[in-house]
């Protein structure tokens, strides 16, 4: 929604994303460019493999980390070839890898934590996978980017109280 508004105002908007089955490598819609990367590690069918199920098993965790690492490497390569003012990210796992291989990005990076699975993602739920209880990619990322946006107001208040503003 916001991207369409900014594109209409003349801003150059490019979305970098995984290439899902049936999508083109490059597209444009409503003035927004889409650049998609083949990863070929995890499924290329949207929502076929759920993150929280994957990371419960060692082989699933390894595949997931490899997949997100590949996305981060391809994103970093793309960003080095193109100028940009702001990098707005939504994927905490891949972005944590990206920000650690290219720390210069953090000053231009905005992270939006979307609603969904917060209790697991922020290790606020006993059913969260052990990996997320030990390390929250969201919290790690929030401490390293220029700005974080949390779309869930009650969650935002909890995070601020815990010192994660």
N, C-alpha and C. Protein backbone atom coordinates (compact mmCIF):
# COMPACT_ATOMS: atom_id res chain seq x y z
N UNK A 1 0.82 -1.19 0.00
CA UNK A 1 0.00 0.00 0.00
C UNK A 1 0.87 1.26 0.00
N UNK A 2 1.78 1.37 0.98
CA UNK A 2 2.64 2.55 1.05
C UNK A 2 3.55 2.64 -0.17
N UNK A 3 4.00 1.49 -0.66
CA UNK A 3 4.87 1.49 -1.83
C UNK A 3 4.17 2.09 -3.04
N UNK A 4 2.90 1.77 -3.22
CA UNK A 4 2.13 2.33 -4.34
C UNK A 4 2.04 3.84 -4.24
N UNK A 5 1.80 4.32 -3.03
CA UNK A 5 1.69 5.77 -2.82
C UNK A 5 3.01 6.46 -3.16
N UNK A 6 4.11 5.89 -2.68
CA UNK A 6 5.42 6.49 -2.94
C UNK A 6 5.79 6.39 -4.42
N UNK A 7 5.43 5.30 -5.06
CA UNK A 7 5.70 5.16 -6.49
C UNK A 7 4.93 6.21 -7.28
N UNK A 8 3.68 6.46 -6.89
CA UNK A 8 2.88 7.49 -7.58
C UNK A 8 3.48 8.88 -7.41
N UNK A 9 4.18 9.09 -6.30
CA UNK A 9 4.83 10.38 -6.06
C UNK A 9 6.17 10.50 -6.78
N UNK A 10 6.53 9.45 -7.52
CA UNK A 10 7.76 9.50 -8.32
C UNK A 10 8.97 8.83 -7.70
N UNK A 11 8.80 8.21 -6.55
CA UNK A 11 9.92 7.49 -5.94
C UNK A 11 10.15 6.17 -6.66
N UNK A 12 11.40 5.78 -6.74
CA UNK A 12 11.78 4.52 -7.36
C UNK A 12 11.68 3.42 -6.30
N UNK A 13 10.74 2.51 -6.46
CA UNK A 13 10.51 1.44 -5.50
C UNK A 13 10.84 0.10 -6.17
N UNK A 14 11.71 -0.66 -5.53
CA UNK A 14 12.05 -2.00 -6.01
C UNK A 14 11.88 -2.98 -4.86
N UNK A 15 11.15 -4.04 -5.10
CA UNK A 15 10.95 -5.09 -4.11
C UNK A 15 11.85 -6.26 -4.49
N UNK A 16 12.70 -6.66 -3.56
CA UNK A 16 13.56 -7.83 -3.76
C UNK A 16 12.93 -8.97 -2.99
N UNK A 17 12.69 -10.08 -3.66
CA UNK A 17 12.03 -11.20 -3.00
C UNK A 17 12.44 -12.52 -3.62
N UNK A 18 12.09 -13.59 -2.93
CA UNK A 18 12.33 -14.94 -3.43
C UNK A 18 11.43 -15.16 -4.65
N UNK A 19 11.91 -15.93 -5.59
CA UNK A 19 11.09 -16.26 -6.75
C UNK A 19 10.28 -17.51 -6.43
N UNK A 20 8.98 -17.32 -6.33
CA UNK A 20 8.07 -18.44 -6.07
C UNK A 20 7.69 -19.09 -7.40
N UNK A 21 7.26 -20.31 -7.35
CA UNK A 21 6.83 -21.04 -8.54
C UNK A 21 5.78 -20.22 -9.28
N UNK A 22 5.95 -20.10 -10.58
CA UNK A 22 4.97 -19.40 -11.40
C UNK A 22 5.16 -17.89 -11.49
N UNK A 23 6.19 -17.36 -10.85
CA UNK A 23 6.43 -15.91 -10.94
C UNK A 23 7.63 -15.64 -11.85
N UNK A 24 7.64 -14.45 -12.41
CA UNK A 24 8.74 -14.03 -13.29
C UNK A 24 9.92 -13.55 -12.46
N UNK A 25 11.08 -13.50 -13.09
CA UNK A 25 12.26 -12.98 -12.41
C UNK A 25 12.13 -11.48 -12.18
N UNK A 26 11.50 -10.81 -13.12
CA UNK A 26 11.30 -9.36 -13.01
C UNK A 26 9.88 -9.04 -13.43
N UNK A 27 9.28 -8.12 -12.70
CA UNK A 27 7.93 -7.66 -13.01
C UNK A 27 7.84 -6.19 -12.64
N UNK A 28 6.79 -5.57 -13.09
CA UNK A 28 6.47 -4.21 -12.65
C UNK A 28 4.96 -4.11 -12.55
N UNK A 29 4.50 -3.53 -11.45
CA UNK A 29 3.07 -3.33 -11.23
C UNK A 29 2.88 -2.05 -10.43
N UNK A 30 1.99 -1.20 -10.87
CA UNK A 30 1.68 0.06 -10.18
C UNK A 30 2.93 0.90 -9.93
N UNK A 31 3.87 0.85 -10.86
CA UNK A 31 5.09 1.64 -10.72
C UNK A 31 6.13 1.03 -9.81
N UNK A 32 5.88 -0.17 -9.31
CA UNK A 32 6.80 -0.86 -8.40
C UNK A 32 7.50 -1.97 -9.17
N UNK A 33 8.83 -1.98 -9.10
CA UNK A 33 9.61 -3.04 -9.75
C UNK A 33 9.78 -4.21 -8.77
N UNK A 34 9.70 -5.41 -9.30
CA UNK A 34 9.92 -6.62 -8.52
C UNK A 34 11.10 -7.37 -9.11
N UNK A 35 12.07 -7.68 -8.28
CA UNK A 35 13.23 -8.47 -8.67
C UNK A 35 13.20 -9.71 -7.79
N UNK A 36 13.22 -10.88 -8.43
CA UNK A 36 13.09 -12.13 -7.68
C UNK A 36 14.30 -13.02 -7.89
N UNK A 37 14.71 -13.65 -6.80
CA UNK A 37 15.89 -14.52 -6.81
C UNK A 37 15.48 -15.98 -6.65
N UNK A 38 16.07 -16.84 -7.48
CA UNK A 38 15.93 -18.29 -7.29
C UNK A 38 16.81 -18.69 -6.11
N UNK A 39 16.29 -19.52 -5.24
CA UNK A 39 17.08 -19.99 -4.10
C UNK A 39 17.31 -21.49 -4.16
N UNK A 40 16.29 -22.25 -4.51
CA UNK A 40 16.41 -23.69 -4.74
C UNK A 40 16.93 -24.49 -3.55
N UNK A 41 16.69 -24.03 -2.35
CA UNK A 41 17.07 -24.81 -1.17
C UNK A 41 15.80 -25.26 -0.46
N UNK A 42 15.00 -24.33 -0.02
CA UNK A 42 13.69 -24.66 0.54
C UNK A 42 12.68 -24.64 -0.61
N UNK A 43 11.47 -24.99 -0.31
CA UNK A 43 10.43 -25.04 -1.33
C UNK A 43 10.23 -23.68 -1.99
N UNK A 44 9.94 -23.70 -3.29
CA UNK A 44 9.62 -22.45 -3.97
C UNK A 44 8.10 -22.30 -4.12
N UNK A 45 7.36 -23.05 -3.31
CA UNK A 45 5.91 -22.94 -3.25
C UNK A 45 5.58 -22.18 -1.97
N UNK A 46 4.93 -21.05 -2.11
CA UNK A 46 4.63 -20.19 -0.96
C UNK A 46 3.87 -20.94 0.13
N UNK A 47 4.33 -20.79 1.36
CA UNK A 47 3.72 -21.37 2.57
C UNK A 47 3.72 -22.90 2.61
N UNK A 48 4.51 -23.54 1.78
CA UNK A 48 4.58 -25.00 1.83
C UNK A 48 5.36 -25.47 3.06
N UNK A 49 6.45 -24.78 3.35
CA UNK A 49 7.26 -25.12 4.51
C UNK A 49 7.16 -23.98 5.52
N UNK A 50 6.60 -24.27 6.66
CA UNK A 50 6.41 -23.26 7.70
C UNK A 50 7.69 -23.16 8.54
N UNK A 51 8.16 -21.94 8.73
CA UNK A 51 9.43 -21.69 9.42
C UNK A 51 9.50 -22.41 10.76
N UNK A 52 8.46 -22.29 11.57
CA UNK A 52 8.51 -22.84 12.92
C UNK A 52 8.57 -24.37 12.91
N UNK A 53 8.05 -24.98 11.87
CA UNK A 53 8.17 -26.43 11.73
C UNK A 53 9.57 -26.80 11.26
N UNK A 54 10.10 -26.02 10.34
CA UNK A 54 11.43 -26.30 9.80
C UNK A 54 12.51 -26.27 10.88
N UNK A 55 12.50 -25.25 11.70
CA UNK A 55 13.62 -25.07 12.63
C UNK A 55 13.56 -25.99 13.84
N UNK A 56 12.53 -26.80 13.94
CA UNK A 56 12.45 -27.77 15.04
C UNK A 56 13.34 -28.99 14.79
N UNK A 57 13.69 -29.24 13.53
CA UNK A 57 14.52 -30.39 13.17
C UNK A 57 15.88 -29.89 12.69
N UNK A 58 16.96 -30.56 13.05
CA UNK A 58 18.29 -30.09 12.63
C UNK A 58 18.42 -29.92 11.11
N UNK A 59 17.95 -30.88 10.33
CA UNK A 59 18.08 -30.75 8.87
C UNK A 59 17.22 -29.61 8.35
N UNK A 60 16.05 -29.42 8.94
CA UNK A 60 15.19 -28.31 8.55
C UNK A 60 15.82 -26.98 8.88
N UNK A 61 16.43 -26.89 10.06
CA UNK A 61 17.10 -25.66 10.47
C UNK A 61 18.27 -25.35 9.53
N UNK A 62 19.02 -26.38 9.18
CA UNK A 62 20.16 -26.20 8.26
C UNK A 62 19.68 -25.72 6.89
N UNK A 63 18.62 -26.32 6.37
CA UNK A 63 18.07 -25.90 5.08
C UNK A 63 17.56 -24.47 5.15
N UNK A 64 16.88 -24.16 6.24
CA UNK A 64 16.32 -22.81 6.42
C UNK A 64 17.44 -21.77 6.46
N UNK A 65 18.47 -22.03 7.26
CA UNK A 65 19.59 -21.08 7.37
C UNK A 65 20.31 -20.95 6.02
N UNK A 66 20.48 -22.05 5.32
CA UNK A 66 21.12 -22.00 4.00
C UNK A 66 20.29 -21.18 3.02
N UNK A 67 18.99 -21.39 3.04
CA UNK A 67 18.07 -20.67 2.16
C UNK A 67 18.14 -19.17 2.43
N UNK A 68 18.05 -18.79 3.69
CA UNK A 68 18.06 -17.36 4.03
C UNK A 68 19.44 -16.75 3.79
N UNK A 69 20.49 -17.54 3.97
CA UNK A 69 21.84 -17.04 3.67
C UNK A 69 21.98 -16.76 2.18
N UNK A 70 21.47 -17.66 1.36
CA UNK A 70 21.52 -17.46 -0.09
C UNK A 70 20.75 -16.20 -0.48
N UNK A 71 19.59 -16.00 0.12
CA UNK A 71 18.81 -14.79 -0.17
C UNK A 71 19.61 -13.54 0.24
N UNK A 72 20.23 -13.57 1.41
CA UNK A 72 21.01 -12.43 1.88
C UNK A 72 22.19 -12.14 0.94
N UNK A 73 22.87 -13.17 0.50
CA UNK A 73 24.01 -12.98 -0.41
C UNK A 73 23.57 -12.40 -1.75
N UNK A 74 22.47 -12.91 -2.28
CA UNK A 74 21.97 -12.39 -3.56
C UNK A 74 21.46 -10.96 -3.41
N UNK A 75 20.82 -10.68 -2.29
CA UNK A 75 20.35 -9.32 -2.02
C UNK A 75 21.53 -8.36 -1.90
N UNK A 76 22.55 -8.77 -1.17
CA UNK A 76 23.73 -7.92 -0.99
C UNK A 76 24.39 -7.63 -2.34
N UNK A 77 24.51 -8.64 -3.18
CA UNK A 77 25.10 -8.45 -4.51
C UNK A 77 24.27 -7.45 -5.32
N UNK A 78 22.96 -7.58 -5.27
CA UNK A 78 22.09 -6.66 -6.00
C UNK A 78 22.25 -5.24 -5.47
N UNK A 79 22.26 -5.08 -4.15
CA UNK A 79 22.35 -3.75 -3.55
C UNK A 79 23.66 -3.06 -3.87
N UNK A 80 24.72 -3.81 -4.07
CA UNK A 80 26.01 -3.22 -4.42
C UNK A 80 26.00 -2.67 -5.85
N UNK A 81 25.07 -3.14 -6.68
CA UNK A 81 25.00 -2.71 -8.07
C UNK A 81 24.04 -1.54 -8.28
N UNK A 82 23.27 -1.20 -7.27
CA UNK A 82 22.22 -0.21 -7.43
C UNK A 82 22.25 0.77 -6.26
N UNK A 83 21.97 2.03 -6.53
CA UNK A 83 21.91 3.02 -5.46
C UNK A 83 20.52 3.02 -4.84
N UNK A 84 20.48 3.25 -3.55
CA UNK A 84 19.19 3.33 -2.86
C UNK A 84 19.35 4.21 -1.63
N UNK A 85 18.24 4.77 -1.19
CA UNK A 85 18.25 5.63 -0.01
C UNK A 85 17.83 4.87 1.24
N UNK A 86 16.80 4.06 1.10
CA UNK A 86 16.25 3.34 2.25
C UNK A 86 16.07 1.88 1.86
N UNK A 87 16.39 1.01 2.78
CA UNK A 87 16.17 -0.42 2.61
C UNK A 87 15.15 -0.82 3.66
N UNK A 88 13.93 -1.10 3.22
CA UNK A 88 12.84 -1.46 4.13
C UNK A 88 12.72 -2.97 4.11
N UNK A 89 12.96 -3.60 5.25
CA UNK A 89 13.01 -5.06 5.31
C UNK A 89 11.88 -5.62 6.16
N UNK A 90 11.52 -6.87 5.85
CA UNK A 90 10.43 -7.53 6.55
C UNK A 90 10.81 -8.93 7.01
N UNK A 91 11.92 -9.47 6.56
CA UNK A 91 12.30 -10.85 6.87
C UNK A 91 13.46 -10.87 7.86
N UNK A 92 13.19 -11.12 9.13
CA UNK A 92 14.26 -11.00 10.13
C UNK A 92 15.40 -12.00 9.96
N UNK A 93 15.11 -13.21 9.55
CA UNK A 93 16.18 -14.21 9.44
C UNK A 93 17.18 -13.80 8.36
N UNK A 94 16.70 -13.57 7.15
CA UNK A 94 17.59 -13.19 6.05
C UNK A 94 18.26 -11.85 6.31
N UNK A 95 17.54 -10.92 6.90
CA UNK A 95 18.09 -9.59 7.14
C UNK A 95 19.20 -9.62 8.18
N UNK A 96 19.09 -10.49 9.18
CA UNK A 96 20.18 -10.61 10.15
C UNK A 96 21.46 -11.06 9.47
N UNK A 97 21.34 -11.96 8.54
CA UNK A 97 22.52 -12.41 7.80
C UNK A 97 23.05 -11.25 6.95
N UNK A 98 22.14 -10.59 6.25
CA UNK A 98 22.52 -9.46 5.39
C UNK A 98 23.23 -8.36 6.18
N UNK A 99 22.70 -8.01 7.32
CA UNK A 99 23.27 -6.91 8.09
C UNK A 99 24.64 -7.28 8.68
N UNK A 100 24.88 -8.57 8.84
CA UNK A 100 26.19 -9.00 9.34
C UNK A 100 27.23 -9.16 8.24
N UNK A 101 26.80 -9.35 7.00
CA UNK A 101 27.79 -9.40 5.92
C UNK A 101 28.03 -8.02 5.32
N UNK A 102 27.12 -7.08 5.57
CA UNK A 102 27.28 -5.72 5.07
C UNK A 102 26.73 -4.74 6.12
N UNK A 103 27.55 -4.44 7.10
CA UNK A 103 27.11 -3.60 8.22
C UNK A 103 26.79 -2.17 7.81
N UNK A 104 27.28 -1.73 6.66
CA UNK A 104 26.99 -0.38 6.19
C UNK A 104 25.50 -0.17 5.92
N UNK A 105 24.77 -1.25 5.70
CA UNK A 105 23.35 -1.14 5.39
C UNK A 105 22.51 -0.68 6.58
N UNK A 106 22.98 -0.93 7.78
CA UNK A 106 22.15 -0.68 8.97
C UNK A 106 21.69 0.77 9.09
N UNK A 107 22.50 1.72 8.66
CA UNK A 107 22.12 3.13 8.80
C UNK A 107 20.99 3.54 7.86
N UNK A 108 20.72 2.71 6.85
CA UNK A 108 19.64 3.02 5.89
C UNK A 108 18.52 1.98 5.95
N UNK A 109 18.53 1.18 6.99
CA UNK A 109 17.59 0.06 7.07
C UNK A 109 16.46 0.34 8.06
N UNK A 110 15.24 0.05 7.61
CA UNK A 110 14.04 0.13 8.45
C UNK A 110 13.44 -1.28 8.47
N UNK A 111 13.14 -1.75 9.66
CA UNK A 111 12.56 -3.09 9.80
C UNK A 111 11.13 -2.99 10.29
N UNK A 112 10.21 -3.66 9.61
CA UNK A 112 8.83 -3.74 10.05
C UNK A 112 8.56 -5.15 10.54
N UNK A 113 8.18 -5.25 11.81
CA UNK A 113 7.79 -6.53 12.40
C UNK A 113 6.28 -6.67 12.21
N UNK A 114 5.89 -7.62 11.42
CA UNK A 114 4.48 -7.81 11.10
C UNK A 114 3.76 -8.61 12.18
N UNK A 115 2.46 -8.46 12.18
CA UNK A 115 1.63 -9.21 13.11
C UNK A 115 1.61 -10.67 12.67
N UNK A 116 1.72 -11.54 13.61
CA UNK A 116 1.65 -12.97 13.32
C UNK A 116 2.72 -13.73 14.06
N UNK A 117 2.31 -14.68 14.85
CA UNK A 117 3.23 -15.56 15.57
C UNK A 117 4.17 -14.80 16.51
N UNK A 118 3.74 -13.64 17.01
CA UNK A 118 4.63 -12.84 17.87
C UNK A 118 5.07 -13.60 19.11
N UNK A 119 4.16 -14.33 19.69
CA UNK A 119 4.51 -15.02 20.94
C UNK A 119 5.64 -16.01 20.70
N UNK A 120 5.67 -16.62 19.52
CA UNK A 120 6.77 -17.52 19.19
C UNK A 120 8.00 -16.73 18.76
N UNK A 121 7.79 -15.75 17.90
CA UNK A 121 8.92 -15.00 17.34
C UNK A 121 9.71 -14.25 18.40
N UNK A 122 9.02 -13.79 19.43
CA UNK A 122 9.69 -13.03 20.48
C UNK A 122 9.90 -13.86 21.74
N UNK A 123 9.73 -15.19 21.59
CA UNK A 123 9.95 -16.14 22.69
C UNK A 123 9.11 -15.79 23.92
N UNK A 124 7.88 -15.37 23.70
CA UNK A 124 6.97 -15.05 24.80
C UNK A 124 6.04 -16.22 25.10
N UNK A 125 6.20 -17.32 24.38
CA UNK A 125 5.30 -18.46 24.48
C UNK A 125 6.13 -19.72 24.75
N UNK A 126 5.67 -20.53 25.68
CA UNK A 126 6.42 -21.75 26.01
C UNK A 126 6.46 -22.74 24.85
N UNK A 127 5.55 -22.61 23.88
CA UNK A 127 5.54 -23.52 22.74
C UNK A 127 6.51 -23.08 21.64
N UNK A 128 7.19 -21.97 21.84
CA UNK A 128 8.15 -21.50 20.84
C UNK A 128 9.28 -22.52 20.69
N UNK A 129 9.76 -22.72 19.47
CA UNK A 129 10.89 -23.63 19.28
C UNK A 129 12.09 -23.19 20.12
N UNK A 130 12.88 -24.14 20.57
CA UNK A 130 14.04 -23.86 21.41
C UNK A 130 14.95 -22.82 20.77
N UNK A 131 15.15 -22.92 19.47
CA UNK A 131 16.03 -21.97 18.78
C UNK A 131 15.57 -20.53 19.00
N UNK A 132 14.25 -20.31 18.97
CA UNK A 132 13.73 -18.95 19.17
C UNK A 132 13.75 -18.53 20.63
N UNK A 133 13.74 -19.50 21.53
CA UNK A 133 13.87 -19.16 22.96
C UNK A 133 15.29 -18.69 23.26
N UNK A 134 16.25 -19.23 22.53
CA UNK A 134 17.65 -18.87 22.74
C UNK A 134 18.04 -17.61 21.98
N UNK A 135 17.41 -17.39 20.83
CA UNK A 135 17.80 -16.27 19.97
C UNK A 135 16.58 -15.78 19.20
N UNK A 136 16.22 -14.53 19.38
CA UNK A 136 15.12 -13.95 18.63
C UNK A 136 15.68 -13.10 17.50
N UNK A 137 15.52 -13.55 16.25
CA UNK A 137 16.02 -12.76 15.12
C UNK A 137 15.42 -11.36 15.09
N UNK A 138 14.16 -11.24 15.49
CA UNK A 138 13.51 -9.93 15.49
C UNK A 138 14.21 -8.97 16.45
N UNK A 139 14.43 -9.43 17.68
CA UNK A 139 15.04 -8.56 18.68
C UNK A 139 16.48 -8.21 18.31
N UNK A 140 17.21 -9.17 17.80
CA UNK A 140 18.59 -8.92 17.37
C UNK A 140 18.61 -7.84 16.29
N UNK A 141 17.72 -7.98 15.32
CA UNK A 141 17.67 -7.04 14.21
C UNK A 141 17.24 -5.64 14.67
N UNK A 142 16.26 -5.59 15.56
CA UNK A 142 15.76 -4.30 16.03
C UNK A 142 16.86 -3.45 16.68
N UNK A 143 17.85 -4.10 17.25
CA UNK A 143 18.94 -3.38 17.90
C UNK A 143 20.00 -2.91 16.91
N UNK A 144 19.89 -3.30 15.66
CA UNK A 144 20.94 -3.01 14.69
C UNK A 144 20.51 -2.14 13.52
N UNK A 145 19.24 -1.88 13.38
CA UNK A 145 18.78 -1.08 12.25
C UNK A 145 18.50 0.35 12.69
N UNK A 146 18.36 1.22 11.71
CA UNK A 146 18.10 2.63 12.02
C UNK A 146 16.76 2.81 12.72
N UNK A 147 15.74 2.08 12.26
CA UNK A 147 14.41 2.22 12.83
C UNK A 147 13.66 0.90 12.72
N UNK A 148 12.88 0.61 13.75
CA UNK A 148 12.00 -0.56 13.74
C UNK A 148 10.57 -0.09 13.90
N UNK A 149 9.68 -0.77 13.20
CA UNK A 149 8.26 -0.47 13.29
C UNK A 149 7.56 -1.76 13.69
N UNK A 150 6.77 -1.70 14.75
CA UNK A 150 6.00 -2.86 15.20
C UNK A 150 4.53 -2.51 15.00
N UNK A 151 3.85 -3.31 14.20
CA UNK A 151 2.48 -3.00 13.83
C UNK A 151 1.45 -3.44 14.86
N UNK A 152 1.88 -4.13 15.88
CA UNK A 152 0.99 -4.62 16.93
C UNK A 152 1.26 -3.79 18.18
N UNK A 153 0.34 -2.89 18.51
CA UNK A 153 0.55 -1.94 19.61
C UNK A 153 0.81 -2.61 20.97
N UNK A 154 0.03 -3.63 21.38
CA UNK A 154 0.33 -4.28 22.66
C UNK A 154 1.73 -4.92 22.68
N UNK A 155 2.13 -5.51 21.56
CA UNK A 155 3.47 -6.09 21.49
C UNK A 155 4.53 -4.99 21.56
N UNK A 156 4.28 -3.90 20.88
CA UNK A 156 5.22 -2.78 20.91
C UNK A 156 5.44 -2.31 22.35
N UNK A 157 4.35 -2.20 23.10
CA UNK A 157 4.45 -1.76 24.50
C UNK A 157 5.28 -2.75 25.33
N UNK A 158 5.08 -4.06 25.11
CA UNK A 158 5.87 -5.06 25.84
C UNK A 158 7.35 -4.95 25.49
N UNK A 159 7.64 -4.75 24.22
CA UNK A 159 9.03 -4.65 23.79
C UNK A 159 9.70 -3.40 24.37
N UNK A 160 8.98 -2.30 24.40
CA UNK A 160 9.53 -1.07 24.97
C UNK A 160 9.79 -1.27 26.47
N UNK A 161 8.85 -1.92 27.17
CA UNK A 161 9.05 -2.18 28.60
C UNK A 161 10.27 -3.05 28.85
N UNK A 162 10.55 -3.97 27.92
CA UNK A 162 11.71 -4.85 28.06
C UNK A 162 13.01 -4.19 27.58
N UNK A 163 12.91 -2.95 27.11
CA UNK A 163 14.10 -2.24 26.66
C UNK A 163 14.43 -2.45 25.20
N UNK A 164 13.48 -2.89 24.41
CA UNK A 164 13.69 -3.12 22.98
C UNK A 164 12.92 -2.09 22.16
N UNK A 165 13.22 -0.84 22.35
CA UNK A 165 12.48 0.20 21.62
C UNK A 165 13.08 0.47 20.27
